[in-house]
Structures are given as structure tokens and as C-alpha cells.
Amino acid sequence: AENLGRSKSIALAIDRSQSMEGDALDDAAAAAAGFVGSKAGSDRIALVAFGSKAVALTDFSSATIDADTALRTLGVDDRQGTALYDALVLSARALAAEPLPGRVIIALTDGRDFSSKASAAGAIAAARRAGAVVYPIGIESGQFSPEPLQRIARETGGTYFGAASSSGLESVYASIAAELQ
């Protein structure tokens, strides 16, 4: 067990699939930017975006300029897909190389994975190998099912957070920040 209140590396994975177009992506980027701005000075942040595939937007850094720039320019994927599990695996692999023992993945999505090469079990295994705790956030619409995200949180030692809409994401990120302190 690691004390996550001390210096840690945090991978922020943000859904940029087509279903996130409009206010949802704007709210997600703004809430993530607030989280980045409030992090402890020694914490290291990296951004991963996922739509049809998962892509690392920044490397880990305790400076926030790269993350801020990436969040300001984050756009919707032009291809269909939600590669959540691939984003978790990509985040876990990056965290495995980090020198800080505290490792966290915060993953935000509004839907289910339907374009990953990895499975939920594969994503959980990658997070465990990296020693990462996963905090999934679900924007819960009528068709949303939280069970896969709850399983990922439970099996990695994290906590699942649900938001009724994207407008509630700032308070969710604040709750996670408080838990990590």
C-alpha cells in the first residue's frame, strides 16, 4: 500500500469520443484543468485521450503547462469508437516507468468501451502490474452502465464516481483530489 497523499504520478484519461461532443467535452476539459491546477506541486501529471484509439497527449511532468495546453486544445475524435480499456493500459504502462511509488489513473467516460484491443480484465491486470489505483468517472446517461467501471475501481483499490451530467464533473474531480490528499 502506498500513501497517495505524498508525491504521486497521475494519469488523466479523458474520453473524446463523438458522444462527448459539445458541452460534455468542454466541461470535462475544464474540470480536468481545475484538477491539474490544484494538484500538489510535486505530483506529476500526464494526459491520455481516447476515442477510436488511446493516445498519450503529454508525458509526466510536475509542471502544468503541457497539460493545460493539451486540455485547451482537446477535440472530439473524427472516428467512432471508445477505447477506454486501451487508455487504461496505455496509462498503466506509462505509470510503470514512473519513479514515484504513488500511481493513480483517473479515467473519465460517458459510455462503454467498444473499440479497445484490450479487455476489462487486461486493463485491470495492467493497472495492477503498474501498482496503479484507478478512479473511474462515469457521466451517467440513460443508457450508461456503471458496472464495468465499478469493477475496475474495486479490483484496483480505487473508487468509482458517477456524475448525472458533465456539469457536475468539477465537484467529482474535487472529491478525488480530496481523497488523494
C-alpha atoms as a PDB file:
ATOM      1  CA  ALA A   1       0.000   0.000   0.000  1.00  0.00           C
ATOM      2  CA  GLU A   2       1.237   3.447  -0.928  1.00  0.00           C
ATOM      3  CA  ASN A   3       0.376   6.722   0.780  1.00  0.00           C
ATOM      4  CA  LEU A   4      -1.208   8.645  -2.106  1.00  0.00           C
ATOM      5  CA  GLY A   5      -1.103  11.845  -0.051  1.00  0.00           C
ATOM      6  CA  ARG A   6       2.625  12.011  -0.723  1.00  0.00           C
ATOM      7  CA  SER A   7       4.105  12.721  -4.139  1.00  0.00           C
ATOM      8  CA  LYS A   8       2.432  10.705  -6.846  1.00  0.00           C
ATOM      9  CA  SER A   9       2.150  10.303 -10.597  1.00  0.00           C
ATOM     10  CA  ILE A  10      -1.345  10.738 -12.025  1.00  0.00           C
ATOM     11  CA  ALA A  11      -2.507   9.774 -15.499  1.00  0.00           C
ATOM     12  CA  LEU A  12      -5.666  11.619 -16.533  1.00  0.00           C
ATOM     13  CA  ALA A  13      -7.512   9.705 -19.270  1.00  0.00           C
ATOM     14  CA  ILE A  14     -10.323  11.654 -20.938  1.00  0.00           C
ATOM     15  CA  ASP A  15     -12.966  10.341 -23.327  1.00  0.00           C
ATOM     16  CA  ARG A  16     -13.018  12.361 -26.541  1.00  0.00           C
ATOM     17  CA  SER A  17     -15.342  10.043 -28.455  1.00  0.00           C
ATOM     18  CA  GLN A  18     -18.071  11.501 -30.652  1.00  0.00           C
ATOM     19  CA  SER A  19     -20.668  11.149 -27.881  1.00  0.00           C
ATOM     20  CA  MET A  20     -18.663  13.710 -25.867  1.00  0.00           C
ATOM     21  CA  GLU A  21     -19.126  16.461 -28.473  1.00  0.00           C
ATOM     22  CA  GLY A  22     -20.214  19.864 -27.182  1.00  0.00           C
ATOM     23  CA  ASP A  23     -20.718  20.709 -23.523  1.00  0.00           C
ATOM     24  CA  ALA A  24     -19.632  17.276 -22.286  1.00  0.00           C
ATOM     25  CA  LEU A  25     -16.092  17.593 -23.655  1.00  0.00           C
ATOM     26  CA  ASP A  26     -15.865  21.283 -22.726  1.00  0.00           C
ATOM     27  CA  ASP A  27     -16.971  20.507 -19.161  1.00  0.00           C
ATOM     28  CA  ALA A  28     -14.610  17.517 -18.958  1.00  0.00           C
ATOM     29  CA  ALA A  29     -11.626  19.581 -20.095  1.00  0.00           C
ATOM     30  CA  ALA A  30     -12.479  22.433 -17.718  1.00  0.00           C
ATOM     31  CA  ALA A  31     -12.898  20.083 -14.745  1.00  0.00           C
ATOM     32  CA  ALA A  32      -9.633  18.282 -15.550  1.00  0.00           C
ATOM     33  CA  ALA A  33      -7.867  21.662 -15.873  1.00  0.00           C
ATOM     34  CA  GLY A  34      -9.156  22.603 -12.413  1.00  0.00           C
ATOM     35  CA  PHE A  35      -7.803  19.322 -11.043  1.00  0.00           C
ATOM     36  CA  VAL A  36      -4.418  19.910 -12.707  1.00  0.00           C
ATOM     37  CA  GLY A  37      -4.288  23.460 -11.342  1.00  0.00           C
ATOM     38  CA  SER A  38      -4.967  22.315  -7.785  1.00  0.00           C
ATOM     39  CA  LYS A  39      -2.522  19.403  -7.677  1.00  0.00           C
ATOM     40  CA  ALA A  40       0.342  19.334  -5.194  1.00  0.00           C
ATOM     41  CA  GLY A  41       3.493  20.878  -6.645  1.00  0.00           C
ATOM     42  CA  SER A  42       5.460  17.640  -6.527  1.00  0.00           C
ATOM     43  CA  ASP A  43       2.746  15.495  -8.157  1.00  0.00           C
ATOM     44  CA  ARG A  44       3.405  14.517 -11.759  1.00  0.00           C
ATOM     45  CA  ILE A  45       0.591  14.607 -14.328  1.00  0.00           C
ATOM     46  CA  ALA A  46       0.241  13.085 -17.807  1.00  0.00           C
ATOM     47  CA  LEU A  47      -2.764  13.242 -20.132  1.00  0.00           C
ATOM     48  CA  VAL A  48      -4.217  10.455 -22.252  1.00  0.00           C
ATOM     49  CA  ALA A  49      -7.168  10.955 -24.583  1.00  0.00           C
ATOM     50  CA  PHE A  50      -9.266   8.200 -26.059  1.00  0.00           C
ATOM     51  CA  GLY A  51     -11.877   7.943 -28.740  1.00  0.00           C
ATOM     52  CA  SER A  52     -11.425   5.390 -31.509  1.00  0.00           C
ATOM     53  CA  LYS A  53      -7.953   4.782 -30.040  1.00  0.00           C
ATOM     54  CA  ALA A  54      -5.947   5.828 -26.998  1.00  0.00           C
ATOM     55  CA  VAL A  55      -3.266   8.490 -27.435  1.00  0.00           C
ATOM     56  CA  ALA A  56      -0.771   9.950 -24.944  1.00  0.00           C
ATOM     57  CA  LEU A  57      -1.100  13.736 -25.153  1.00  0.00           C
ATOM     58  CA  THR A  58       1.667  14.612 -22.667  1.00  0.00           C
ATOM     59  CA  ASP A  59       4.478  12.988 -20.747  1.00  0.00           C
ATOM     60  CA  PHE A  60       4.553  13.058 -16.956  1.00  0.00           C
ATOM     61  CA  SER A  61       5.619  16.395 -15.506  1.00  0.00           C
ATOM     62  CA  SER A  62       5.227  18.314 -12.275  1.00  0.00           C
ATOM     63  CA  ALA A  63       4.839  21.483 -14.390  1.00  0.00           C
ATOM     64  CA  THR A  64       1.292  22.016 -15.620  1.00  0.00           C
ATOM     65  CA  ILE A  65       1.867  23.918 -18.869  1.00  0.00           C
ATOM     66  CA  ASP A  66       1.766  20.872 -21.172  1.00  0.00           C
ATOM     67  CA  ALA A  67      -1.379  19.519 -19.528  1.00  0.00           C
ATOM     68  CA  ASP A  68      -3.062  22.925 -19.659  1.00  0.00           C
ATOM     69  CA  THR A  69      -2.252  23.308 -23.355  1.00  0.00           C
ATOM     70  CA  ALA A  70      -3.455  19.788 -24.186  1.00  0.00           C
ATOM     71  CA  LEU A  71      -6.734  20.342 -22.323  1.00  0.00           C
ATOM     72  CA  ARG A  72      -7.362  23.685 -24.080  1.00  0.00           C
ATOM     73  CA  THR A  73      -6.897  22.075 -27.491  1.00  0.00           C
ATOM     74  CA  LEU A  74      -8.692  18.777 -26.807  1.00  0.00           C
ATOM     75  CA  GLY A  75     -11.161  17.989 -29.581  1.00  0.00           C
ATOM     76  CA  VAL A  76     -13.645  15.281 -30.462  1.00  0.00           C
ATOM     77  CA  ASP A  77     -12.332  12.273 -32.396  1.00  0.00           C
ATOM     78  CA  ASP A  78     -13.425  12.277 -36.031  1.00  0.00           C
ATOM     79  CA  ARG A  79     -13.830   8.483 -35.990  1.00  0.00           C
ATOM     80  CA  GLN A  80     -16.302   6.431 -33.985  1.00  0.00           C
ATOM     81  CA  GLY A  81     -15.116   4.414 -31.027  1.00  0.00           C
ATOM     82  CA  THR A  82     -14.452   4.413 -27.313  1.00  0.00           C
ATOM     83  CA  ALA A  83     -11.154   2.728 -26.436  1.00  0.00           C
ATOM     84  CA  LEU A  84     -11.388   3.060 -22.655  1.00  0.00           C
ATOM     85  CA  TYR A  85      -9.579  -0.183 -21.830  1.00  0.00           C
ATOM     86  CA  ASP A  86      -6.739   0.666 -24.228  1.00  0.00           C
ATOM     87  CA  ALA A  87      -6.440   4.067 -22.484  1.00  0.00           C
ATOM     88  CA  LEU A  88      -6.142   2.337 -19.110  1.00  0.00           C
ATOM     89  CA  VAL A  89      -3.440   0.006 -20.447  1.00  0.00           C
ATOM     90  CA  LEU A  90      -1.542   2.933 -22.037  1.00  0.00           C
ATOM     91  CA  SER A  91      -1.781   4.899 -18.777  1.00  0.00           C
ATOM     92  CA  ALA A  92      -0.644   1.912 -16.707  1.00  0.00           C
ATOM     93  CA  ARG A  93       2.366   1.279 -18.945  1.00  0.00           C
ATOM     94  CA  ALA A  94       3.420   4.917 -18.654  1.00  0.00           C
ATOM     95  CA  LEU A  95       2.967   4.818 -14.879  1.00  0.00           C
ATOM     96  CA  ALA A  96       5.069   1.652 -14.582  1.00  0.00           C
ATOM     97  CA  ALA A  97       8.102   3.682 -15.686  1.00  0.00           C
ATOM     98  CA  GLU A  98       7.473   6.485 -13.191  1.00  0.00           C
ATOM     99  CA  PRO A  99       9.882   6.875 -10.258  1.00  0.00           C
ATOM    100  CA  LEU A 100       7.218   7.901  -7.718  1.00  0.00           C
ATOM    101  CA  PRO A 101       5.661   4.967  -5.870  1.00  0.00           C
ATOM    102  CA  GLY A 102       2.166   6.533  -5.720  1.00  0.00           C
ATOM    103  CA  ARG A 103       0.454   5.843  -9.063  1.00  0.00           C
ATOM    104  CA  VAL A 104      -3.077   6.876  -9.978  1.00  0.00           C
ATOM    105  CA  ILE A 105      -5.234   6.699 -13.099  1.00  0.00           C
ATOM    106  CA  ILE A 106      -8.309   8.917 -13.306  1.00  0.00           C
ATOM    107  CA  ALA A 107     -10.427   7.889 -16.302  1.00  0.00           C
ATOM    108  CA  LEU A 108     -13.484   9.818 -17.456  1.00  0.00           C
ATOM    109  CA  THR A 109     -16.027   8.374 -19.896  1.00  0.00           C
ATOM    110  CA  ASP A 110     -19.666   8.751 -20.876  1.00  0.00           C
ATOM    111  CA  GLY A 111     -20.101   5.315 -22.372  1.00  0.00           C
ATOM    112  CA  ARG A 112     -18.957   1.787 -22.696  1.00  0.00           C
ATOM    113  CA  ASP A 113     -15.819   0.552 -24.374  1.00  0.00           C
ATOM    114  CA  PHE A 114     -16.412  -0.793 -27.863  1.00  0.00           C
ATOM    115  CA  SER A 115     -13.167  -0.295 -29.772  1.00  0.00           C
ATOM    116  CA  SER A 116     -10.319  -1.434 -27.496  1.00  0.00           C
ATOM    117  CA  LYS A 117      -7.990  -4.263 -28.283  1.00  0.00           C
ATOM    118  CA  ALA A 118      -7.647  -4.803 -24.511  1.00  0.00           C
ATOM    119  CA  SER A 119     -10.394  -6.245 -22.318  1.00  0.00           C
ATOM    120  CA  ALA A 120     -11.529  -5.005 -18.915  1.00  0.00           C
ATOM    121  CA  ALA A 121      -9.556  -7.866 -17.337  1.00  0.00           C
ATOM    122  CA  GLY A 122      -6.472  -6.851 -19.342  1.00  0.00           C
ATOM    123  CA  ALA A 123      -6.831  -3.235 -18.216  1.00  0.00           C
ATOM    124  CA  ILE A 124      -7.155  -4.303 -14.580  1.00  0.00           C
ATOM    125  CA  ALA A 125      -4.102  -6.559 -14.889  1.00  0.00           C
ATOM    126  CA  ALA A 126      -2.046  -3.732 -16.450  1.00  0.00           C
ATOM    127  CA  ALA A 127      -3.032  -1.346 -13.646  1.00  0.00           C
ATOM    128  CA  ARG A 128      -2.122  -3.932 -11.016  1.00  0.00           C
ATOM    129  CA  ARG A 129       1.269  -4.625 -12.645  1.00  0.00           C
ATOM    130  CA  ALA A 130       1.976  -0.887 -12.582  1.00  0.00           C
ATOM    131  CA  GLY A 131       0.846  -0.593  -8.962  1.00  0.00           C
ATOM    132  CA  ALA A 132      -1.805   1.922 -10.072  1.00  0.00           C
ATOM    133  CA  VAL A 133      -5.089   2.728  -8.371  1.00  0.00           C
ATOM    134  CA  VAL A 134      -7.892   3.544 -10.835  1.00  0.00           C
ATOM    135  CA  TYR A 135     -10.561   6.173 -10.177  1.00  0.00           C
ATOM    136  CA  PRO A 136     -13.117   5.874 -12.989  1.00  0.00           C
ATOM    137  CA  ILE A 137     -15.638   8.672 -13.535  1.00  0.00           C
ATOM    138  CA  GLY A 138     -18.837   7.947 -15.434  1.00  0.00           C
ATOM    139  CA  ILE A 139     -21.136  10.563 -16.926  1.00  0.00           C
ATOM    140  CA  GLU A 140     -24.295   8.564 -16.341  1.00  0.00           C
ATOM    141  CA  SER A 141     -26.924   8.902 -19.053  1.00  0.00           C
ATOM    142  CA  GLY A 142     -29.961   6.681 -19.517  1.00  0.00           C
ATOM    143  CA  GLN A 143     -28.011   4.075 -21.499  1.00  0.00           C
ATOM    144  CA  PHE A 144     -24.939   4.153 -19.230  1.00  0.00           C
ATOM    145  CA  SER A 145     -23.988   1.096 -17.184  1.00  0.00           C
ATOM    146  CA  PRO A 146     -21.531   1.734 -14.329  1.00  0.00           C
ATOM    147  CA  GLU A 147     -20.756  -1.953 -13.616  1.00  0.00           C
ATOM    148  CA  PRO A 148     -17.544  -2.238 -15.705  1.00  0.00           C
ATOM    149  CA  LEU A 149     -16.144   0.958 -14.150  1.00  0.00           C
ATOM    150  CA  GLN A 150     -17.149  -0.133 -10.659  1.00  0.00           C
ATOM    151  CA  ARG A 151     -15.351  -3.455 -11.226  1.00  0.00           C
ATOM    152  CA  ILE A 152     -12.177  -1.676 -12.398  1.00  0.00           C
ATOM    153  CA  ALA A 153     -12.225   0.587  -9.338  1.00  0.00           C
ATOM    154  CA  ARG A 154     -12.917  -2.269  -6.934  1.00  0.00           C
ATOM    155  CA  GLU A 155     -10.220  -4.546  -8.364  1.00  0.00           C
ATOM    156  CA  THR A 156      -7.509  -1.852  -8.369  1.00  0.00           C
ATOM    157  CA  GLY A 157      -8.255  -0.287  -4.972  1.00  0.00           C
ATOM    158  CA  GLY A 158      -9.857   2.863  -6.381  1.00  0.00           C
ATOM    159  CA  THR A 159     -13.294   4.406  -6.127  1.00  0.00           C
ATOM    160  CA  TYR A 160     -15.937   4.814  -8.827  1.00  0.00           C
ATOM    161  CA  PHE A 161     -17.531   8.255  -9.169  1.00  0.00           C
ATOM    162  CA  GLY A 162     -20.732   8.891 -11.089  1.00  0.00           C
ATOM    163  CA  ALA A 163     -21.914  12.255 -12.389  1.00  0.00           C
ATOM    164  CA  ALA A 164     -25.506  12.823 -13.507  1.00  0.00           C
ATOM    165  CA  SER A 165     -24.220  15.210 -16.173  1.00  0.00           C
ATOM    166  CA  SER A 166     -20.975  16.763 -17.321  1.00  0.00           C
ATOM    167  CA  SER A 167     -21.799  19.922 -15.368  1.00  0.00           C
ATOM    168  CA  GLY A 168     -21.077  18.006 -12.138  1.00  0.00           C
ATOM    169  CA  LEU A 169     -17.543  16.992 -13.085  1.00  0.00           C
ATOM    170  CA  GLU A 170     -15.751  19.771 -11.209  1.00  0.00           C
ATOM    171  CA  SER A 171     -17.137  18.526  -7.892  1.00  0.00           C
ATOM    172  CA  VAL A 172     -16.213  14.936  -8.802  1.00  0.00           C
ATOM    173  CA  TYR A 173     -12.607  15.909  -9.549  1.00  0.00           C
ATOM    174  CA  ALA A 174     -12.551  17.918  -6.299  1.00  0.00           C
ATOM    175  CA  SER A 175     -13.733  14.828  -4.398  1.00  0.00           C
ATOM    176  CA  ILE A 176     -10.964  12.735  -5.958  1.00  0.00           C
ATOM    177  CA  ALA A 177      -8.376  15.420  -5.161  1.00  0.00           C
ATOM    178  CA  ALA A 178      -9.520  15.461  -1.539  1.00  0.00           C
ATOM    179  CA  GLU A 179      -9.330  11.662  -1.349  1.00  0.00           C
ATOM    180  CA  LEU A 180      -5.824  11.687  -2.796  1.00  0.00           C
ATOM    181  CA  GLN A 181      -4.610  14.210  -0.233  1.00  0.00           C
END
